[in-house]
Protein backbone atom coordinates (compact mmCIF):
# COMPACT_ATOMS: atom_id res chain seq x y z
CA UNK A 1 -34.86 -3.45 -2.16
CA UNK A 2 -34.60 -7.16 -1.24
CA UNK A 3 -35.56 -9.96 -3.43
CA UNK A 4 -36.25 -12.58 -0.59
CA UNK A 5 -35.81 -16.05 -1.78
CA UNK A 6 -36.74 -17.63 1.38
CA UNK A 7 -40.28 -19.26 2.81
CA UNK A 8 -41.87 -17.15 5.21
CA UNK A 9 -42.14 -20.20 8.22
CA UNK A 10 -38.83 -20.01 7.68
CA UNK A 11 -37.21 -19.13 11.06
CA UNK A 12 -34.16 -16.86 9.41
CA UNK A 13 -35.11 -15.48 6.19
CA UNK A 14 -32.11 -15.64 3.23
CA UNK A 15 -32.70 -12.61 1.33
CA UNK A 16 -30.04 -10.72 -1.77
CA UNK A 17 -28.83 -7.13 -0.97
CA UNK A 18 -28.46 -4.87 -4.25
CA UNK A 19 -26.92 -1.47 -3.28
CA UNK A 20 -28.30 0.00 -6.03
CA UNK A 21 -31.68 -0.77 -5.81
CA UNK A 22 -32.14 -0.86 -2.14
CA UNK A 23 -34.71 2.06 -0.51
CA UNK A 24 -33.70 4.41 2.01
CA UNK A 25 -34.79 2.35 5.06
CA UNK A 26 -32.90 -0.57 3.86
CA UNK A 27 -29.84 1.11 3.68
CA UNK A 28 -30.41 2.57 7.58
CA UNK A 29 -30.59 -0.94 8.84
CA UNK A 30 -27.82 -2.82 6.06
CA UNK A 31 -25.44 0.31 7.13
CA UNK A 32 -26.12 -0.27 11.18
CA UNK A 33 -25.37 -4.35 10.32
CA UNK A 34 -22.29 -2.88 8.50
CA UNK A 35 -21.31 -0.97 11.73
CA UNK A 36 -21.53 -3.54 14.43
CA UNK A 37 -20.39 -6.07 13.02
CA UNK A 38 -17.17 -4.25 12.20
CA UNK A 39 -17.55 -2.90 15.39
CA UNK A 40 -17.13 -6.93 16.40
CA UNK A 41 -14.70 -8.25 14.33
CA UNK A 42 -12.64 -4.77 14.37
CA UNK A 43 -13.05 -2.76 17.40
CA UNK A 44 -12.09 0.92 17.99
CA UNK A 45 -10.78 0.44 13.99
CA UNK A 46 -12.67 3.83 12.69
CA UNK A 47 -14.98 3.62 9.83
CA UNK A 48 -16.71 6.27 7.58
CA UNK A 49 -19.62 8.03 7.17
CA UNK A 50 -22.89 5.79 6.79
CA UNK A 51 -23.07 7.96 3.06
CA UNK A 52 -19.59 7.22 2.28
CA UNK A 53 -20.49 3.08 3.35
CA UNK A 54 -23.07 3.76 0.67
CA UNK A 55 -21.25 5.54 -2.16
CA UNK A 56 -18.50 3.23 -1.23
CA UNK A 57 -20.59 -0.06 -1.54
CA UNK A 58 -22.70 1.24 -4.86
CA UNK A 59 -18.85 2.24 -6.42
CA UNK A 60 -18.97 -0.80 -10.19
CA UNK A 61 -15.76 -2.69 -9.69
CA UNK A 62 -14.82 -3.24 -13.31
CA UNK A 63 -12.93 -6.90 -12.51
CA UNK A 64 -15.16 -8.12 -9.89
CA UNK A 65 -19.47 -8.08 -9.11
CA UNK A 66 -20.11 -9.00 -6.20
CA UNK A 67 -23.48 -11.23 -4.94
CA UNK A 68 -24.66 -10.01 -1.42
CA UNK A 69 -26.58 -12.04 0.33
CA UNK A 70 -28.26 -11.47 3.91
CA UNK A 71 -30.33 -13.43 7.19
CA UNK A 72 -32.68 -11.75 8.61
CA UNK A 73 -34.14 -12.97 11.96
CA UNK A 74 -38.06 -13.53 12.85
CA UNK A 75 -38.49 -9.58 13.98
CA UNK A 76 -36.70 -8.33 10.34
CA UNK A 77 -33.12 -7.94 11.86
CA UNK A 78 -30.51 -8.84 9.64
CA UNK A 79 -28.25 -11.11 11.66
CA UNK A 80 -25.62 -12.49 9.31
CA UNK A 81 -24.57 -12.43 5.45
CA UNK A 82 -22.06 -12.82 2.72
CA UNK A 83 -20.37 -11.26 0.14
CA UNK A 84 -20.03 -13.36 -2.63
CA UNK A 85 -17.41 -11.69 -5.12
CA UNK A 86 -16.05 -13.33 -9.07
CA UNK A 87 -14.47 -12.31 -12.09
CA UNK A 88 -17.01 -10.89 -14.41
CA UNK A 89 -17.81 -12.04 -17.71
CA UNK A 90 -15.43 -11.14 -20.88
CA UNK A 91 -12.73 -9.70 -19.13
CA UNK A 92 -8.81 -9.83 -19.43
CA UNK A 93 -8.24 -13.45 -17.66
CA UNK A 94 -11.72 -14.57 -17.02
CA UNK A 95 -10.95 -17.93 -17.97
CA UNK A 96 -8.30 -17.84 -15.09
CA UNK A 97 -10.65 -16.12 -12.58
CA UNK A 98 -13.08 -18.90 -13.21
CA UNK A 99 -12.88 -21.12 -10.81
CA UNK A 100 -12.91 -18.96 -7.79
CA UNK A 101 -15.16 -16.86 -5.84
CA UNK A 102 -13.32 -14.91 -2.95
CA UNK A 103 -15.51 -14.66 0.31
CA UNK A 104 -16.74 -12.28 3.09
CA UNK A 105 -19.15 -11.81 5.46
CA UNK A 106 -20.16 -12.94 9.50
CA UNK A 107 -22.46 -13.82 11.99
CA UNK A 108 -23.44 -11.10 14.56
CA UNK A 109 -22.31 -12.31 18.04
CA UNK A 110 -26.34 -12.38 19.52
CA UNK A 111 -27.06 -15.40 16.09
CA UNK A 112 -24.35 -17.49 16.33
CA UNK A 113 -24.79 -21.01 17.09
CA UNK A 114 -28.04 -21.34 15.36
CA UNK A 115 -27.49 -22.25 12.27
CA UNK A 116 -26.88 -19.13 10.36
CA UNK A 117 -23.98 -19.48 9.17
CA UNK A 118 -24.91 -23.07 7.58
CA UNK A 119 -27.60 -21.06 5.47
CA UNK A 120 -25.25 -18.41 4.16
CA UNK A 121 -23.44 -21.57 3.20
CA UNK A 122 -25.92 -23.06 1.34
CA UNK A 123 -26.38 -19.64 -0.70
CA UNK A 124 -22.32 -19.85 -1.49
CA UNK A 125 -22.90 -23.58 -2.14
CA UNK A 126 -25.44 -22.40 -5.27
CA UNK A 127 -23.55 -20.06 -6.78
CA UNK A 128 -21.20 -21.75 -7.11
CA UNK A 129 -22.85 -25.03 -8.25
CA UNK A 130 -24.65 -22.43 -10.72
CA UNK A 131 -21.22 -20.55 -12.28
CA UNK A 132 -19.49 -23.48 -12.14
CA UNK A 133 -17.74 -22.81 -9.48
CA UNK A 134 -14.76 -24.50 -7.76
CA UNK A 135 -12.92 -23.37 -4.98
CA UNK A 136 -14.06 -20.41 -2.43
CA UNK A 137 -11.37 -18.61 -0.50
CA UNK A 138 -12.00 -16.96 3.06
CA UNK A 139 -9.32 -14.82 4.12
CA UNK A 140 -10.21 -14.63 8.17
CA UNK A 141 -8.32 -13.33 11.59
CA UNK A 142 -10.47 -14.26 14.40
CA UNK A 143 -10.50 -17.18 16.33
CA UNK A 144 -13.58 -18.53 16.39
CA UNK A 145 -13.19 -17.88 12.61
CA UNK A 146 -10.20 -20.10 11.94
CA UNK A 147 -12.16 -22.67 14.16
CA UNK A 148 -15.75 -22.03 12.02
CA UNK A 149 -13.50 -22.54 8.57
CA UNK A 150 -11.40 -25.88 9.91
CA UNK A 151 -14.86 -27.25 10.99
CA UNK A 152 -16.90 -27.35 7.41
CA UNK A 153 -13.24 -29.30 6.12
CA UNK A 154 -11.81 -25.29 4.71
CA UNK A 155 -8.11 -25.82 5.39
CA UNK A 156 -5.42 -22.66 5.87
CA UNK A 157 -3.03 -22.09 2.87
CA UNK A 158 -1.36 -19.17 3.65
CA UNK A 159 -1.23 -16.97 6.35
CA UNK A 160 -0.12 -13.17 6.40
CA UNK A 161 0.06 -10.80 9.31
CA UNK A 162 -1.33 -6.78 9.24
CA UNK A 163 1.50 -4.82 11.18
CA UNK A 164 1.71 -0.97 12.28
CA UNK A 165 4.49 1.27 13.14
CA UNK A 166 4.41 4.84 14.10
CA UNK A 167 6.04 7.84 12.81
CA UNK A 168 7.52 9.03 15.87
CA UNK A 169 10.03 6.44 16.24
CA UNK A 170 11.93 6.35 12.45
CA UNK A 171 14.94 6.48 12.94
CA UNK A 172 15.86 9.36 10.51
CA UNK A 173 19.66 8.26 10.03
CA UNK A 174 19.38 5.34 8.72
CA UNK A 175 16.35 6.45 6.70
CA UNK A 176 19.12 9.01 4.97
CA UNK A 177 21.70 5.45 5.04
CA UNK A 178 19.31 3.60 3.13
CA UNK A 179 17.99 6.34 0.48
CA UNK A 180 21.72 7.28 -0.72
CA UNK A 181 22.88 3.43 -0.53
CA UNK A 182 20.07 2.41 -3.09
CA UNK A 183 20.75 5.46 -5.03
CA UNK A 184 24.50 4.89 -5.23
CA UNK A 185 25.66 5.43 -8.70
CA UNK A 186 27.56 2.34 -8.99
CA UNK A 187 23.80 0.35 -9.16
CA UNK A 188 23.28 2.96 -11.93
CA UNK A 189 19.31 3.02 -10.94
CA UNK A 190 16.94 5.77 -12.43
CA UNK A 191 14.72 7.23 -9.07
CA UNK A 192 11.11 7.99 -10.39
CA UNK A 193 8.08 9.32 -7.89
CA UNK A 194 4.58 10.13 -8.18
CA UNK A 195 2.61 11.68 -5.74
CA UNK A 196 -0.52 12.38 -5.77
CA UNK A 197 -1.46 10.19 -9.24
CA UNK A 198 0.22 8.75 -11.81
CA UNK A 199 -0.55 9.39 -15.40
CA UNK A 200 -2.76 6.71 -16.88
CA UNK A 201 -0.26 6.84 -20.09
CA UNK A 202 2.77 6.24 -17.54
CA UNK A 203 0.09 3.63 -15.54
CA UNK A 204 -0.37 1.98 -19.32
CA UNK A 205 3.29 1.20 -19.24
CA UNK A 206 3.80 0.29 -15.87
CA UNK A 207 1.01 -2.75 -15.55
CA UNK A 208 3.20 -5.26 -17.26
CA UNK A 209 6.55 -4.68 -15.16
CA UNK A 210 4.41 -4.38 -12.05
CA UNK A 211 2.15 -7.13 -12.33
CA UNK A 212 5.92 -10.03 -12.83
CA UNK A 213 6.68 -8.45 -9.25
CA UNK A 214 3.48 -8.83 -7.98
CA UNK A 215 2.76 -12.44 -8.70
CA UNK A 216 6.50 -13.34 -7.33
CA UNK A 217 4.66 -12.50 -4.02
CA UNK A 218 4.86 -15.39 -1.88
CA UNK A 219 1.69 -16.80 -2.06
CA UNK A 220 2.19 -20.32 0.11
CA UNK A 221 0.29 -22.50 -1.49
CA UNK A 222 -3.34 -20.65 -2.13
CA UNK A 223 -5.18 -22.09 -5.35
CA UNK A 224 -5.37 -18.54 -7.39
CA UNK A 225 -5.32 -16.97 -10.74
CA UNK A 226 -2.28 -14.54 -11.62
CA UNK A 227 -2.08 -12.35 -10.26
CA UNK A 228 -1.80 -8.67 -12.21
CA UNK A 229 -2.12 -5.28 -11.95
CA UNK A 230 -4.32 -3.45 -14.27
CA UNK A 231 -5.44 -0.12 -15.92
CA UNK A 232 -8.94 -0.58 -15.20
CA UNK A 233 -8.58 -0.73 -11.28
CA UNK A 234 -6.53 2.03 -11.09
CA UNK A 235 -9.15 3.87 -12.85
CA UNK A 236 -12.25 2.20 -10.83
CA UNK A 237 -9.88 3.57 -7.90
CA UNK A 238 -8.99 7.36 -8.73
CA UNK A 239 -12.98 8.17 -9.29
CA UNK A 240 -13.03 6.71 -6.04
CA UNK A 241 -9.43 8.58 -4.74
CA UNK A 242 -11.24 12.08 -6.40
CA UNK A 243 -14.51 11.52 -4.51
CA UNK A 244 -13.65 10.90 -1.02
CA UNK A 245 -10.22 12.42 -1.29
CA UNK A 246 -6.73 10.70 -1.24
CA UNK A 247 -3.42 10.22 -2.80
CA UNK A 248 -1.86 7.47 -4.53
CA UNK A 249 2.36 7.52 -4.46
CA UNK A 250 4.57 5.28 -6.19
CA UNK A 251 8.85 5.54 -5.96
CA UNK A 252 10.60 3.48 -8.84
CA UNK A 253 14.43 2.53 -9.02
CA UNK A 254 14.45 1.98 -12.81
CA UNK A 255 17.08 0.16 -14.80
CA UNK A 256 16.10 2.25 -18.66
CA UNK A 257 12.57 0.93 -18.93
CA UNK A 258 13.30 -2.27 -16.49
CA UNK A 259 11.43 -1.56 -12.83
CA UNK A 260 14.35 -2.87 -10.66
CA UNK A 261 11.93 -1.96 -7.27
CA UNK A 262 8.86 -0.49 -6.25
CA UNK A 263 6.89 0.84 -3.07
CA UNK A 264 4.05 2.23 -3.77
CA UNK A 265 1.18 3.39 -0.62
CA UNK A 266 -1.52 5.46 -0.70
CA UNK A 267 -3.19 8.08 1.99
CA UNK A 268 -7.76 7.88 2.64
CA UNK A 269 -9.08 11.68 3.51
CA UNK A 270 -11.16 9.06 5.26
CA UNK A 271 -8.34 8.40 7.41
CA UNK A 272 -5.95 11.01 7.68
CA UNK A 273 -3.40 9.60 10.34
CA UNK A 274 -2.34 6.95 8.59
CA UNK A 275 -0.34 5.72 5.12
CA UNK A 276 -0.97 2.57 3.54
CA UNK A 277 1.90 0.53 2.48
CA UNK A 278 0.74 -1.48 -0.67
CA UNK A 279 3.42 -3.63 -2.94
CA UNK A 280 7.06 -3.30 -1.95
CA UNK A 281 9.17 -5.73 -4.43
CA UNK A 282 12.23 -6.08 -5.89
CA UNK A 283 13.09 -8.07 -9.09
CA UNK A 284 15.32 -11.08 -8.33
CA UNK A 285 18.84 -10.20 -9.84
CA UNK A 286 18.72 -7.23 -7.46
CA UNK A 287 17.67 -8.58 -4.45
CA UNK A 288 20.64 -7.89 -2.31
CA UNK A 289 21.49 -4.77 -3.20
CA UNK A 290 19.20 -3.02 -0.24
CA UNK A 291 16.98 -1.92 -2.96
CA UNK A 292 13.35 -1.88 -0.69
CA UNK A 293 14.71 -0.64 2.17
CA UNK A 294 16.00 2.52 -0.39
CA UNK A 295 12.65 2.81 -1.56
CA UNK A 296 10.95 2.68 1.29
CA UNK A 297 12.90 5.40 2.38
CA UNK A 298 12.08 7.61 -0.51
CA UNK A 299 8.11 6.40 0.05
CA UNK A 300 8.40 7.47 3.90
CA UNK A 301 9.66 10.89 3.59
CA UNK A 302 7.54 11.73 1.10
CA UNK A 303 4.44 10.75 2.79
CA UNK A 304 5.64 12.35 5.50
CA UNK A 305 6.25 16.06 3.94
CA UNK A 306 2.98 15.59 1.85
CA UNK A 307 0.83 14.45 4.84
CA UNK A 308 2.76 16.08 8.42
CA UNK A 309 0.20 14.78 10.26
CA UNK A 310 -0.44 11.22 9.31
CA UNK A 311 1.15 8.70 12.88
CA UNK A 312 0.94 5.43 11.25
CA UNK A 313 1.56 3.26 8.62
CA UNK A 314 0.01 -0.07 7.65
CA UNK A 315 1.11 -2.57 6.04
CA UNK A 316 -0.06 -6.47 4.47
CA UNK A 317 2.93 -9.10 4.63
CA UNK A 318 2.53 -13.03 3.58
CA UNK A 319 4.14 -14.25 7.39
CA UNK A 320 7.19 -16.70 4.94
CA UNK A 321 8.23 -13.22 3.56
CA UNK A 322 11.40 -13.00 5.82
CA UNK A 323 12.88 -10.41 4.05
CA UNK A 324 10.41 -8.18 4.27
CA UNK A 325 9.12 -8.47 8.06
CA UNK A 326 12.78 -7.92 8.70
CA UNK A 327 13.17 -4.87 6.72
CA UNK A 328 9.58 -3.78 8.55
CA UNK A 329 10.96 -4.67 11.90
CA UNK A 330 14.18 -2.44 11.16
CA UNK A 331 11.42 0.50 10.48
CA UNK A 332 9.34 -0.19 13.58
CA UNK A 333 6.67 -2.19 12.54
CA UNK A 334 5.05 -4.09 15.01
CA UNK A 335 2.32 -6.38 14.15
CA UNK A 336 -1.39 -6.11 14.69
CA UNK A 337 -3.57 -8.77 14.02
CA UNK A 338 -2.90 -12.48 11.80
CA UNK A 339 -5.14 -13.13 9.25
CA UNK A 340 -4.99 -16.39 7.31
CA UNK A 341 -6.55 -17.59 4.28
CA UNK A 342 -8.80 -20.85 3.44
CA UNK A 343 -10.05 -22.84 0.63
CA UNK A 344 -12.59 -25.08 0.07
CA UNK A 345 -14.06 -26.87 -2.48
CA UNK A 346 -17.94 -27.76 -3.40
CA UNK A 347 -17.61 -30.98 -2.19
CA UNK A 348 -16.85 -30.60 1.13
CA UNK A 349 -18.63 -27.43 1.16
CA UNK A 350 -21.76 -30.42 0.15
CA UNK A 351 -20.47 -32.39 2.71
CA UNK A 352 -20.40 -30.29 5.36
CA UNK A 353 -23.86 -28.96 4.36
CA UNK A 354 -25.47 -32.87 3.72
CA UNK A 355 -24.61 -33.24 8.16
CA UNK A 356 -26.75 -30.16 8.49
CA UNK A 357 -30.21 -31.05 6.86
CA UNK A 358 -33.12 -27.59 6.64
CA UNK A 359 -35.88 -28.56 8.23
CA UNK A 360 -38.96 -29.14 7.27
CA UNK A 361 -39.71 -25.12 8.05
CA UNK A 362 -36.39 -24.39 6.28
CA UNK A 363 -37.60 -25.54 3.04
CA UNK A 364 -36.76 -23.76 0.00
CA UNK A 365 -39.84 -23.29 -1.77
């Protein structure tokens, strides 16, 4: 069900959308809006079925809770939405995450420049004030989104890009050479491969070393909590994989118990033509020895053998990560989309909203 918190006379009614309480009719409308917004922001990208989308939004996130707010026009149509994700109280590192809220959402093209974005930002500020958050983070790629965040006073702190590669263009001889060089006896490294799932008992031992590699990834000037791999997230993700079908691949190069290099990726039955590259990283003392190329070569060959229908690899890279971008270019990756991570504090957000005063008809009751 929808919990309405706006006056009936308001041009746009602001309401909370709870995936666990929404009626069937409300779900039909919300998913139709979700599809429309995805087509506006990510045209021609494949989307799961309505049922899968609903199940995904209803799944329990053990470490985060999501606050979903929608704005409806006078006809009851959803004009825009904002999703605000915060760390759950009592979870590991919750104090380090306490200042932050991650924000996503937008406004339908047909309803822009009517004050909907400002109304949704008031909901963000209200949540930040209530929960003591000091920093909101947005990730955007559209020119109009960059412009809007600049107008409200947000600062771009980090840039990344989504890169895509066609499997048909892979150089098999180069991949074989990369693998052989990384596995050269002189390095004294052991290759460890997991395909499908990584046993939880093994994952538990990898959380600390993989988190250390993740934390070393460049994030430019982004204010953030420590980046960690967490077993609770893997349990939730594997449960989701079991439900809709998919695989997790993990390739490690180890010296004893030390992880020298890692490459992990996933395959999703809902998008069977593509592989999603996740973390590729090399420990500092092992860099410059071709290990990143080696684990990528092993991974690509593994995915190709298990899923010959895969035609595309998709990955996300920081624009400042020149070494990894160079490797990806050699593999045939090319930029598909450029993203900016923006942050804004409560005072800047409050200052912007003070220039957008509510009318008497819009005032909260």
